[in-house]
Amino acid sequence: MRAAGCCLCWTSERRCIDGAAFLFKVLCPPCRRMDKSDPSPSPAPTRGMARPSGLESARSSKHREHSSKSPRRRGKGTRSEQPGAGGGQEQLLGRRRLPGQREHSSPSGSASDTAESSPKRRAHFLHGPCPDTHFGPKACILPNPTSVMHIQDPASQRLTWNKPPVNVLIIRKIRDESLVEPFKELCRFLVEEKQMMVYVERRVADDATLSKDEAFGSIRNQLCTFREGYDDISECIDLIICLGGDGTLLYASSLFQGSVPPVMAFHLGSLGFLTPFKFESYKTEVAKVFEGNAAITLRSRLKVKVVKDMLQREGPQEHDRETTTTTQQQEQEHNGVLTHGHTNSEAGKVSLQLQVLNEVVVDRGPSSYLSNVDLYLDGRLITSVQGDGVIVSTPTGSTAYAAAAGASMIHPNVPAIMVTPICPHSLSFRPIVVPAGVELMITLSPEARNTAWVSFDGRKRQEIQYGDCIKITTSCYPVPSICCHDLVYDWFESLAQCLHWNVRKRQARLADVSDSSDTEN
């Protein structure tokens, strides 16, 4: 958010997992000079802005007061009702030090001189620098005090605990007998040594192999069980540990349609792109996570709504396809903008709402005809997809089905949504990347010869008929995946080890450089 009255002053905001807001204000060089030369007292700081150095003692006492209060366990509406509050985690940062600027005792004087005299260098963050708002000698961006620039700094994403974790959920890959022993070792370690309350699925606890093991019987009786779709465990889990492949992490994400606890995934499956930890050192790794200060990757998810047409569902008679086609054509303007009646959420019934970690796949299903669907972006018709279907994926899903369809692989911390066609009947239809804040909508084209089918992370597959639509946007509830080393190294390590990215036999060096034809006269 730019400061009022100056288009160069910025107040940037960062948010951690539990909703705490970190805001800092960066003054432009003219304002820093005025701040240095003006002896008058500073005005009262606004909420979220950097405060003067004279209020440091009051700010410290307030922070200690908030820290002493025991944080409330995750509840409904905690993050949405208090977007600017972070409880004990809320920090009001002072003026941010610029790259190459040393810390001084006088933040208003010598700091500004050092910032102006030192050369401009790239900040040691993974996000890009704040853009310059002046273009040439006379052009600039219109100042808007209410605008907020959200810049996520992946380097500052560290896990911390408000209270020591107590309840641990273990997700084990089923129908794999090789995971029985690692599962029993982990349960015994958490229950006996760490005194944790362990939650598992009922079908895992009722496994015949575990039931026959009398030595594991005492541990098995202390396990808390639940059933998917019947028991809600979203408010009582502090940590998730996955034993298996990438599917276990996808399944863990589907269990939490709101806030997701930190996820620690051990590589015990086939691919393991999302599971960086090795089980051989599970005691050491789990102990480090319990201590906190572990690097995490915030894997964004998609919020998906399937809206069924009200006329088709509640009408006294079944409308034929020609009538539906005519109605849809009348609702479309020549410039591709849908009318209010089509985009109104009250005009249809939301039959399904999900949080998706990898991708939403719309395909032609069992039909042999082309899949013909229309793609809208913020209510405007972008294109029609004619082919086998289309994939809408997150950066995490860019290395899954989208990669097989020819899309680029994107780091999970890049805020974006990928749109990838599946075998398009067009030589010019390339995958695209759109901003994370847009809303995509997919409907059947009026010229479609058959219906379409949709699946969410490979699950809950259903048919999309005429008049139905799928609305997709970025969710505000990411999956905090704990890193083994750091979020950059783990990703490239997975690319190299799992997908063999850029694996090629190395070119041999020339024995004599003078023999090259490029050096001949």
Protein backbone atom coordinates (compact mmCIF):
# COMPACT_ATOMS: atom_id res chain seq x y z
CA MET A 1 0.00 0.00 0.00
CA ARG A 2 1.47 3.29 -1.03
CA ALA A 3 1.56 6.05 1.56
CA ALA A 4 -0.98 8.81 1.04
CA GLY A 5 0.44 11.84 -0.70
CA CYS A 6 3.51 10.12 -2.08
CA CYS A 7 3.59 7.51 -4.80
CA LEU A 8 7.06 6.26 -3.88
CA CYS A 9 6.45 5.34 -0.25
CA TRP A 10 5.31 1.75 0.16
CA THR A 11 3.86 -0.22 3.01
CA SER A 12 4.12 -3.91 2.17
CA GLU A 13 2.31 -6.69 3.96
CA ARG A 14 3.27 -10.27 4.62
CA ARG A 15 1.16 -12.95 6.22
CA CYS A 16 2.30 -16.11 7.94
CA ILE A 17 0.35 -19.37 8.14
CA ASP A 18 -1.82 -18.52 11.13
CA GLY A 19 -2.87 -15.15 9.73
CA ALA A 20 -0.39 -12.87 11.47
CA ALA A 21 0.28 -9.72 9.49
CA PHE A 22 3.81 -8.39 9.06
CA LEU A 23 3.85 -4.87 7.66
CA PHE A 24 6.75 -2.58 6.94
CA LYS A 25 7.01 0.91 5.48
CA VAL A 26 9.71 1.97 3.05
CA LEU A 27 10.16 5.71 2.59
CA CYS A 28 11.36 7.14 -0.68
CA PRO A 29 14.60 9.24 -0.62
CA PRO A 30 12.77 12.65 -0.62
CA CYS A 31 10.60 11.61 2.31
CA ARG A 32 13.61 10.27 4.19
CA ARG A 33 15.38 13.62 3.80
CA MET A 34 12.27 15.44 5.04
CA ASP A 35 11.95 13.00 7.92
CA LYS A 36 15.58 13.69 8.84
CA SER A 37 15.37 17.49 8.63
CA ASP A 38 11.93 17.90 10.28
CA PRO A 39 12.40 18.27 14.07
CA SER A 40 8.67 18.31 14.73
CA PRO A 41 7.14 15.25 16.38
CA SER A 42 5.88 12.59 14.04
CA PRO A 43 2.14 12.17 13.58
CA ALA A 44 0.33 9.29 15.18
CA PRO A 45 1.01 6.12 13.26
CA THR A 46 -1.80 4.43 11.45
CA ARG A 47 -2.67 0.83 12.10
CA GLY A 48 -0.20 -1.53 10.47
CA MET A 49 2.29 1.25 9.64
CA ALA A 50 5.81 1.46 11.01
CA ARG A 51 5.93 3.36 14.27
CA PRO A 52 8.52 5.96 15.38
CA SER A 53 11.44 4.87 17.49
CA GLY A 54 10.00 6.73 20.52
CA LEU A 55 7.25 4.15 20.80
CA GLU A 56 9.57 1.17 20.95
CA SER A 57 9.01 0.62 24.68
CA ALA A 58 5.23 0.75 24.36
CA ARG A 59 5.34 -1.57 21.39
CA SER A 60 7.58 -4.06 23.23
CA SER A 61 5.31 -4.11 26.28
CA LYS A 62 2.26 -4.61 24.07
CA HIS A 63 3.99 -7.44 22.24
CA ARG A 64 4.91 -9.10 25.55
CA GLU A 65 1.32 -8.77 26.68
CA HIS A 66 0.04 -10.50 23.56
CA SER A 67 2.70 -13.19 23.81
CA SER A 68 1.76 -14.01 27.40
CA LYS A 69 -1.80 -14.84 26.42
CA SER A 70 -2.33 -18.44 25.50
CA PRO A 71 -3.40 -18.63 21.85
CA ARG A 72 -6.80 -20.01 21.06
CA ARG A 73 -7.00 -23.22 19.10
CA ARG A 74 -8.01 -22.88 15.50
CA GLY A 75 -11.70 -22.02 15.27
CA LYS A 76 -14.16 -21.12 12.60
CA GLY A 77 -13.80 -17.60 11.33
CA THR A 78 -10.52 -16.87 13.09
CA ARG A 79 -8.67 -15.84 9.98
CA SER A 80 -11.53 -14.36 8.03
CA GLU A 81 -12.95 -12.29 10.89
CA GLN A 82 -9.60 -10.92 12.02
CA PRO A 83 -7.55 -10.34 8.88
CA GLY A 84 -5.23 -7.90 10.52
CA ALA A 85 -4.80 -9.61 13.86
CA GLY A 86 -2.27 -12.24 14.55
CA GLY A 87 -2.51 -12.72 18.32
CA GLY A 88 0.86 -13.49 19.79
CA GLN A 89 2.39 -13.68 16.35
CA GLU A 90 1.55 -10.11 15.30
CA GLN A 91 4.60 -7.91 14.91
CA LEU A 92 4.83 -4.29 13.91
CA LEU A 93 8.13 -3.87 12.18
CA GLY A 94 10.05 -0.65 12.01
CA ARG A 95 11.52 0.94 8.94
CA ARG A 96 13.02 -1.75 6.75
CA ARG A 97 16.76 -1.59 6.14
CA LEU A 98 17.62 -1.37 2.47
CA PRO A 99 20.04 -3.79 0.76
CA GLY A 100 23.63 -3.01 1.62
CA GLN A 101 22.63 -0.71 4.48
CA ARG A 102 24.26 -1.27 7.87
CA GLU A 103 22.36 -1.00 11.10
CA HIS A 104 22.93 2.31 12.98
CA SER A 105 21.78 3.60 16.30
CA SER A 106 19.91 6.50 14.64
CA PRO A 107 17.37 4.98 12.25
CA SER A 108 16.09 8.32 10.94
CA GLY A 109 19.40 9.99 10.21
CA SER A 110 22.40 7.92 9.23
CA ALA A 111 20.28 5.08 7.85
CA SER A 112 18.83 7.28 5.14
CA ASP A 113 22.25 8.69 4.24
CA THR A 114 23.66 5.20 3.91
CA ALA A 115 20.72 4.09 1.78
CA GLU A 116 21.13 7.04 -0.58
CA SER A 117 24.90 6.72 -0.88
CA SER A 118 25.05 2.95 -1.31
CA PRO A 119 24.44 1.48 -4.77
CA LYS A 120 21.10 -0.17 -5.47
CA ARG A 121 21.37 -3.92 -5.22
CA ARG A 122 18.90 -6.79 -5.32
CA ALA A 123 17.39 -7.59 -1.94
CA HIS A 124 18.29 -11.00 -0.54
CA PHE A 125 14.72 -12.20 -0.89
CA LEU A 126 13.14 -14.64 -3.31
CA HIS A 127 10.46 -12.19 -4.38
CA GLY A 128 11.22 -9.38 -6.80
CA PRO A 129 11.92 -5.82 -5.71
CA CYS A 130 9.15 -3.27 -5.32
CA PRO A 131 8.49 -1.70 -8.74
CA ASP A 132 9.35 1.90 -9.41
CA THR A 133 6.16 3.95 -9.77
CA HIS A 134 7.71 6.77 -11.87
CA PHE A 135 8.08 6.21 -15.59
CA GLY A 136 10.21 8.81 -17.28
CA PRO A 137 10.22 12.46 -16.28
CA LYS A 138 6.43 13.01 -16.14
CA ALA A 139 4.51 9.71 -15.91
CA CYS A 140 3.70 7.78 -12.76
CA ILE A 141 1.10 5.45 -11.32
CA LEU A 142 -1.95 7.13 -9.88
CA PRO A 143 -1.48 7.25 -6.07
CA ASN A 144 -4.06 5.15 -4.25
CA PRO A 145 -3.76 4.98 -0.46
CA THR A 146 -6.14 2.01 -0.23
CA SER A 147 -4.20 -0.27 -2.56
CA VAL A 148 -2.14 -3.03 -0.98
CA MET A 149 0.76 -4.84 -2.61
CA HIS A 150 1.05 -8.39 -1.27
CA ILE A 151 4.65 -9.55 -1.54
CA GLN A 152 5.35 -13.00 -0.21
CA ASP A 153 8.88 -13.53 0.99
CA PRO A 154 9.56 -17.26 0.85
CA ALA A 155 12.87 -16.86 2.68
CA SER A 156 11.00 -15.75 5.81
CA GLN A 157 8.61 -18.72 5.86
CA ARG A 158 9.62 -20.54 9.03
CA LEU A 159 7.45 -22.79 11.17
CA THR A 160 6.82 -21.80 14.77
CA TRP A 161 4.50 -23.18 17.43
CA ASN A 162 2.27 -21.05 19.66
CA LYS A 163 1.94 -24.07 21.90
CA PRO A 164 3.72 -27.43 21.82
CA PRO A 165 1.97 -29.78 19.38
CA VAL A 166 -0.09 -32.53 20.98
CA ASN A 167 -2.25 -34.17 18.31
CA VAL A 168 -0.52 -35.77 15.32
CA LEU A 169 -2.32 -37.24 12.30
CA ILE A 170 -0.55 -40.08 10.47
CA ILE A 171 -1.60 -40.73 6.87
CA ARG A 172 -0.37 -44.12 5.67
CA LYS A 173 -0.51 -45.47 2.16
CA ILE A 174 -2.98 -48.35 2.22
CA ARG A 175 -2.63 -51.68 0.44
CA ASP A 176 1.14 -51.56 0.92
CA GLU A 177 2.47 -54.17 3.34
CA SER A 178 5.98 -52.67 3.26
CA LEU A 179 4.73 -49.65 5.24
CA VAL A 180 3.39 -51.62 8.19
CA GLU A 181 6.69 -51.70 10.07
CA PRO A 182 7.55 -48.00 9.52
CA PHE A 183 4.01 -47.13 10.63
CA LYS A 184 4.37 -49.12 13.85
CA GLU A 185 7.80 -47.60 14.57
CA LEU A 186 6.48 -44.08 14.11
CA CYS A 187 3.41 -44.69 16.27
CA ARG A 188 5.50 -46.22 19.03
CA PHE A 189 7.94 -43.29 18.91
CA LEU A 190 5.18 -40.66 19.08
CA VAL A 191 3.10 -42.35 21.78
CA GLU A 192 5.78 -43.70 24.11
CA GLU A 193 8.68 -41.27 23.71
CA LYS A 194 6.92 -38.03 22.73
CA GLN A 195 3.62 -38.62 24.59
CA MET A 196 1.59 -37.51 21.58
CA MET A 197 -2.02 -38.23 20.76
CA VAL A 198 -1.95 -40.04 17.41
CA TYR A 199 -4.89 -40.00 14.97
CA VAL A 200 -5.21 -42.57 12.18
CA GLU A 201 -7.96 -43.71 9.85
CA ARG A 202 -10.16 -46.50 11.13
CA ARG A 203 -9.36 -48.71 8.16
CA VAL A 204 -5.65 -48.34 8.94
CA ALA A 205 -6.12 -49.24 12.61
CA ASP A 206 -8.32 -52.22 11.65
CA ASP A 207 -5.67 -53.63 9.36
CA ALA A 208 -5.39 -57.39 9.78
CA THR A 209 -1.60 -57.23 10.10
CA LEU A 210 -1.80 -54.78 13.01
CA SER A 211 -4.57 -56.75 14.70
CA LYS A 212 -2.45 -59.91 14.75
CA ASP A 213 0.56 -58.15 16.30
CA GLU A 214 0.16 -58.59 20.06
CA ALA A 215 3.25 -56.51 20.85
CA PHE A 216 1.67 -53.54 19.10
CA GLY A 217 -1.68 -54.03 20.82
CA SER A 218 -1.00 -51.57 23.66
CA ILE A 219 -0.07 -48.84 21.19
CA ARG A 220 -2.98 -49.67 18.92
CA ASN A 221 -5.47 -49.25 21.76
CA GLN A 222 -4.22 -45.69 22.34
CA LEU A 223 -4.74 -44.58 18.73
CA CYS A 224 -7.64 -42.25 17.92
CA THR A 225 -9.51 -43.27 14.79
CA PHE A 226 -11.74 -41.36 12.38
CA ARG A 227 -13.64 -41.98 9.18
CA GLU A 228 -13.45 -39.72 6.15
CA GLY A 229 -16.73 -37.94 5.53
CA TYR A 230 -18.12 -38.77 8.97
CA ASP A 231 -15.72 -37.35 11.54
CA ASP A 232 -14.40 -33.78 11.48
CA ILE A 233 -10.81 -33.60 12.71
CA SER A 234 -9.94 -30.21 11.23
CA GLU A 235 -10.00 -28.44 14.61
CA CYS A 236 -7.91 -30.89 16.63
CA ILE A 237 -4.85 -31.78 14.50
CA ASP A 238 -1.57 -29.96 15.12
CA LEU A 239 0.73 -31.82 12.71
CA ILE A 240 0.29 -34.20 9.78
CA ILE A 241 2.85 -36.91 8.99
CA CYS A 242 2.51 -38.74 5.67
CA LEU A 243 4.02 -42.15 5.00
CA GLY A 244 3.91 -43.02 1.31
CA GLY A 245 4.01 -41.15 -1.97
CA ASP A 246 2.54 -37.94 -3.33
CA GLY A 247 -0.97 -39.36 -3.09
CA THR A 248 -0.82 -39.36 0.70
CA LEU A 249 -0.18 -35.62 0.74
CA LEU A 250 -3.03 -35.03 -1.72
CA TYR A 251 -5.32 -37.10 0.47
CA ALA A 252 -4.24 -35.19 3.58
CA SER A 253 -5.06 -31.93 1.81
CA SER A 254 -8.56 -33.18 0.96
CA LEU A 255 -9.29 -33.87 4.63
CA PHE A 256 -8.89 -30.18 5.51
CA GLN A 257 -11.17 -27.91 3.49
CA GLY A 258 -10.17 -24.94 5.62
CA SER A 259 -6.93 -24.26 7.46
CA VAL A 260 -4.36 -27.04 7.01
CA PRO A 261 -1.86 -28.03 9.74
CA PRO A 262 1.82 -28.34 8.79
CA VAL A 263 2.53 -31.44 6.73
CA MET A 264 5.67 -33.55 7.05
CA ALA A 265 5.93 -36.12 4.24
CA PHE A 266 8.27 -39.12 4.24
CA HIS A 267 9.26 -40.68 0.94
CA LEU A 268 7.96 -44.26 1.08
CA GLY A 269 6.12 -44.38 -2.23
CA SER A 270 6.95 -44.72 -5.90
CA LEU A 271 7.64 -41.16 -7.11
CA GLY A 272 7.93 -38.94 -4.05
CA PHE A 273 8.10 -35.51 -5.67
CA LEU A 274 6.27 -33.92 -2.73
CA THR A 275 7.86 -36.10 -0.02
CA PRO A 276 11.39 -34.84 0.72
CA PHE A 277 12.13 -36.66 4.01
CA LYS A 278 13.85 -40.03 4.34
CA PHE A 279 12.39 -42.38 6.92
CA GLU A 280 15.79 -43.68 8.05
CA SER A 281 16.26 -40.54 10.17
CA TYR A 282 12.65 -39.99 11.19
CA LYS A 283 13.37 -39.54 14.91
CA THR A 284 15.81 -36.70 14.31
CA GLU A 285 13.64 -35.02 11.69
CA VAL A 286 10.44 -35.22 13.75
CA ALA A 287 12.25 -33.86 16.81
CA LYS A 288 13.46 -30.87 14.79
CA VAL A 289 9.94 -30.13 13.62
CA PHE A 290 8.62 -30.25 17.18
CA GLU A 291 11.27 -27.70 18.17
CA GLY A 292 10.09 -25.32 15.41
CA ASN A 293 11.98 -22.96 13.12
CA ALA A 294 11.68 -25.32 10.15
CA ALA A 295 11.45 -24.05 6.58
CA ILE A 296 8.06 -24.48 4.96
CA THR A 297 6.64 -24.15 1.48
CA LEU A 298 3.16 -22.66 1.20
CA ARG A 299 1.58 -24.71 -1.58
CA SER A 300 -1.39 -22.77 -2.89
CA ARG A 301 -4.69 -24.54 -3.50
CA LEU A 302 -7.63 -23.90 -5.80
CA LYS A 303 -11.07 -23.11 -4.47
CA VAL A 304 -13.48 -24.85 -6.85
CA LYS A 305 -17.26 -24.54 -7.07
CA VAL A 306 -19.49 -26.61 -9.30
CA VAL A 307 -22.68 -24.68 -9.96
CA LYS A 308 -25.66 -26.57 -11.39
CA ASP A 309 -28.20 -24.75 -13.55
CA MET A 310 -31.40 -24.05 -11.64
CA LEU A 311 -33.69 -24.36 -14.66
CA GLN A 312 -32.32 -27.76 -15.47
CA ARG A 313 -32.56 -29.00 -11.87
CA GLU A 314 -35.86 -27.49 -10.73
CA GLY A 315 -37.85 -26.98 -13.92
CA PRO A 316 -41.14 -28.86 -14.28
CA GLN A 317 -40.11 -30.20 -17.64
CA GLU A 318 -36.74 -31.14 -19.06
CA HIS A 319 -35.35 -28.47 -21.38
CA ASP A 320 -33.90 -29.79 -24.58
CA ARG A 321 -30.42 -28.86 -25.69
CA GLU A 322 -31.52 -26.52 -28.44
CA THR A 323 -33.44 -24.32 -25.99
CA THR A 324 -30.47 -24.27 -23.61
CA THR A 325 -28.13 -23.41 -26.47
CA THR A 326 -30.32 -20.49 -27.54
CA THR A 327 -30.50 -19.17 -23.99
CA GLN A 328 -26.73 -19.30 -23.58
CA GLN A 329 -26.17 -17.53 -26.86
CA GLN A 330 -28.53 -14.73 -25.83
CA GLU A 331 -26.65 -14.30 -22.56
CA GLN A 332 -23.37 -13.69 -24.34
CA GLU A 333 -22.57 -10.27 -25.68
CA HIS A 334 -20.56 -9.87 -28.83
CA ASN A 335 -17.47 -8.82 -26.84
CA GLY A 336 -17.52 -11.95 -24.71
CA VAL A 337 -18.76 -10.44 -21.44
CA LEU A 338 -21.44 -12.49 -19.71
CA THR A 339 -24.58 -10.80 -18.48
CA HIS A 340 -25.32 -10.47 -14.79
CA GLY A 341 -27.88 -13.26 -14.89
CA HIS A 342 -25.32 -15.84 -15.95
CA THR A 343 -22.60 -14.86 -13.50
CA ASN A 344 -24.97 -14.44 -10.54
CA SER A 345 -24.20 -17.16 -8.03
CA GLU A 346 -27.81 -17.21 -6.82
CA ALA A 347 -29.05 -18.29 -10.24
CA GLY A 348 -27.70 -21.80 -9.71
CA LYS A 349 -27.14 -24.26 -6.93
CA VAL A 350 -23.61 -24.96 -5.72
CA SER A 351 -23.52 -28.73 -5.70
CA LEU A 352 -19.85 -29.10 -4.75
CA GLN A 353 -17.14 -26.91 -3.26
CA LEU A 354 -13.61 -28.23 -2.79
CA GLN A 355 -10.04 -27.22 -2.04
CA VAL A 356 -7.75 -28.70 -4.72
CA LEU A 357 -3.99 -29.00 -4.37
CA ASN A 358 -2.91 -30.26 -7.79
CA GLU A 359 -5.37 -29.65 -10.59
CA VAL A 360 -8.91 -29.57 -11.91
CA VAL A 361 -9.25 -31.67 -15.07
CA VAL A 362 -12.15 -31.23 -17.50
CA ASP A 363 -12.16 -33.91 -20.21
CA ARG A 364 -14.48 -35.52 -22.77
CA GLY A 365 -15.10 -38.58 -20.65
CA PRO A 366 -16.22 -41.78 -22.43
CA SER A 367 -17.40 -39.90 -25.51
CA SER A 368 -15.42 -40.10 -28.76
CA TYR A 369 -16.30 -36.51 -29.70
CA LEU A 370 -14.11 -33.51 -29.05
CA SER A 371 -14.55 -31.79 -25.72
CA ASN A 372 -15.81 -28.27 -26.47
CA VAL A 373 -15.81 -26.00 -23.42
CA ASP A 374 -15.70 -22.22 -23.01
CA LEU A 375 -13.13 -20.61 -20.73
CA TYR A 376 -13.98 -17.33 -18.97
CA LEU A 377 -11.62 -15.12 -16.98
CA ASP A 378 -13.32 -12.72 -14.55
CA GLY A 379 -16.55 -13.02 -16.51
CA ARG A 380 -15.03 -12.43 -19.94
CA LEU A 381 -14.86 -15.12 -22.58
CA ILE A 382 -11.21 -15.89 -23.31
CA THR A 383 -11.32 -18.87 -25.62
CA SER A 384 -13.03 -22.15 -26.43
CA VAL A 385 -11.10 -25.35 -25.80
CA GLN A 386 -11.62 -27.96 -28.49
CA GLY A 387 -9.70 -31.13 -27.80
CA ASP A 388 -9.54 -33.82 -25.16
CA GLY A 389 -9.99 -31.31 -22.36
CA VAL A 390 -8.27 -28.67 -20.25
CA ILE A 391 -6.22 -28.70 -17.03
CA VAL A 392 -6.37 -25.87 -14.48
CA SER A 393 -3.54 -26.44 -12.04
CA THR A 394 -1.62 -24.85 -9.21
CA PRO A 395 2.18 -24.41 -9.30
CA THR A 396 2.36 -27.61 -7.25
CA GLY A 397 0.32 -29.39 -9.92
CA SER A 398 2.52 -28.06 -12.71
CA THR A 399 4.82 -31.07 -12.24
CA ALA A 400 1.92 -33.55 -12.40
CA TYR A 401 -0.66 -33.98 -15.19
CA ALA A 402 0.09 -30.51 -16.58
CA ALA A 403 3.75 -31.41 -17.14
CA ALA A 404 2.69 -34.49 -19.10
CA ALA A 405 0.45 -32.24 -21.24
CA GLY A 406 3.36 -29.94 -22.13
CA ALA A 407 3.10 -27.20 -19.53
CA SER A 408 6.03 -25.47 -17.85
CA MET A 409 7.04 -26.42 -14.33
CA ILE A 410 6.56 -23.60 -11.83
CA HIS A 411 7.97 -23.30 -8.33
CA PRO A 412 5.25 -23.67 -5.66
CA ASN A 413 5.87 -20.18 -4.28
CA VAL A 414 4.99 -18.46 -7.56
CA PRO A 415 1.45 -17.05 -7.21
CA ALA A 416 -0.20 -18.21 -10.42
CA ILE A 417 -2.81 -20.47 -12.02
CA MET A 418 -1.91 -22.58 -15.04
CA VAL A 419 -4.28 -23.37 -17.90
CA THR A 420 -3.11 -26.27 -20.05
CA PRO A 421 -5.10 -27.79 -22.93
CA ILE A 422 -5.14 -31.57 -23.36
CA CYS A 423 -4.40 -32.54 -26.97
CA PRO A 424 -5.98 -29.38 -28.47
CA HIS A 425 -7.09 -29.56 -32.09
CA SER A 426 -5.09 -26.42 -32.81
CA LEU A 427 -1.42 -25.87 -33.55
CA SER A 428 -1.36 -22.48 -31.79
CA PHE A 429 -3.00 -23.33 -28.45
CA ARG A 430 -0.15 -23.16 -25.96
CA PRO A 431 -0.38 -23.41 -22.14
CA ILE A 432 -0.81 -20.10 -20.37
CA VAL A 433 -0.20 -18.77 -16.86
CA VAL A 434 -2.63 -16.27 -15.32
CA PRO A 435 -2.42 -14.27 -12.07
CA ALA A 436 -3.46 -16.07 -8.92
CA GLY A 437 -6.19 -13.57 -8.07
CA VAL A 438 -8.40 -14.09 -11.12
CA GLU A 439 -11.52 -16.25 -11.27
CA LEU A 440 -11.78 -18.80 -14.04
CA MET A 441 -15.07 -20.28 -15.17
CA ILE A 442 -15.53 -23.28 -17.44
CA THR A 443 -18.84 -24.10 -19.13
CA LEU A 444 -19.97 -26.31 -21.97
CA SER A 445 -19.87 -24.51 -25.29
CA PRO A 446 -23.24 -24.05 -27.04
CA GLU A 447 -21.81 -26.00 -29.99
CA ALA A 448 -20.67 -28.93 -27.83
CA ARG A 449 -21.87 -32.30 -29.11
CA ASN A 450 -21.56 -34.05 -25.78
CA THR A 451 -21.19 -33.37 -22.08
CA ALA A 452 -17.89 -33.12 -20.21
CA TRP A 453 -16.48 -34.72 -17.09
CA VAL A 454 -14.52 -33.09 -14.28
CA SER A 455 -12.25 -34.48 -11.55
CA PHE A 456 -10.45 -32.83 -8.65
CA ASP A 457 -7.00 -34.18 -7.82
CA GLY A 458 -8.15 -37.38 -9.48
CA ARG A 459 -11.18 -37.77 -7.19
CA LYS A 460 -14.92 -37.01 -7.08
CA ARG A 461 -15.33 -37.37 -10.84
CA GLN A 462 -18.70 -36.16 -12.12
CA GLU A 463 -20.47 -35.13 -15.31
CA ILE A 464 -20.88 -31.51 -16.41
CA GLN A 465 -24.06 -30.92 -18.40
CA TYR A 466 -25.45 -27.98 -20.33
CA GLY A 467 -26.00 -24.99 -18.07
CA ASP A 468 -23.48 -26.14 -15.44
CA CYS A 469 -20.33 -24.19 -14.73
CA ILE A 470 -17.09 -24.66 -12.79
CA LYS A 471 -15.68 -21.63 -10.96
CA ILE A 472 -12.01 -21.74 -10.00
CA THR A 473 -9.88 -19.28 -8.07
CA THR A 474 -6.94 -19.36 -5.67
CA SER A 475 -7.81 -20.42 -2.15
CA CYS A 476 -6.71 -18.52 0.94
CA TYR A 477 -5.84 -21.80 2.68
CA PRO A 478 -2.51 -23.15 1.39
CA VAL A 479 -0.86 -26.39 2.41
CA PRO A 480 2.20 -25.65 4.60
CA SER A 481 4.62 -28.34 3.49
CA ILE A 482 7.68 -28.71 5.73
CA CYS A 483 10.98 -28.66 3.83
CA CYS A 484 13.84 -31.04 4.44
CA HIS A 485 16.53 -28.48 3.55
CA ASP A 486 14.94 -25.33 2.10
CA LEU A 487 12.16 -24.59 -0.35
CA VAL A 488 14.48 -23.97 -3.31
CA TYR A 489 16.86 -26.89 -2.83
CA ASP A 490 14.05 -29.38 -2.18
CA TRP A 491 12.25 -28.45 -5.39
CA PHE A 492 15.28 -28.77 -7.64
CA GLU A 493 16.29 -31.97 -5.85
CA SER A 494 12.87 -33.42 -6.67
CA LEU A 495 13.19 -32.33 -10.29
CA ALA A 496 16.52 -34.07 -10.60
CA GLN A 497 15.80 -37.22 -8.61
CA CYS A 498 12.15 -37.89 -9.51
CA LEU A 499 11.72 -36.44 -13.00
CA HIS A 500 15.39 -36.61 -14.13
CA TRP A 501 15.16 -33.02 -15.28
CA ASN A 502 17.80 -32.08 -17.88
CA VAL A 503 19.60 -35.41 -17.65
CA ARG A 504 21.98 -35.76 -20.58
CA LYS A 505 25.35 -37.29 -21.25
CA ARG A 506 27.96 -34.59 -20.79
CA GLN A 507 29.74 -33.31 -23.85
CA ALA A 508 33.41 -34.25 -23.98
CA ARG A 509 36.00 -31.53 -23.88
CA LEU A 510 38.14 -30.96 -26.95
CA ALA A 511 41.67 -32.25 -26.61
CA ASP A 512 43.18 -29.37 -28.59
CA VAL A 513 41.29 -26.12 -28.91
CA SER A 514 43.28 -25.19 -32.00
CA ASP A 515 41.67 -28.10 -33.87
CA SER A 516 38.22 -26.47 -33.70
CA SER A 517 36.87 -25.12 -36.97
CA ASP A 518 35.77 -21.93 -35.20
CA THR A 519 39.39 -20.90 -34.69
CA GLU A 520 40.46 -21.47 -38.26
CA ASN A 521 41.19 -18.41 -40.39
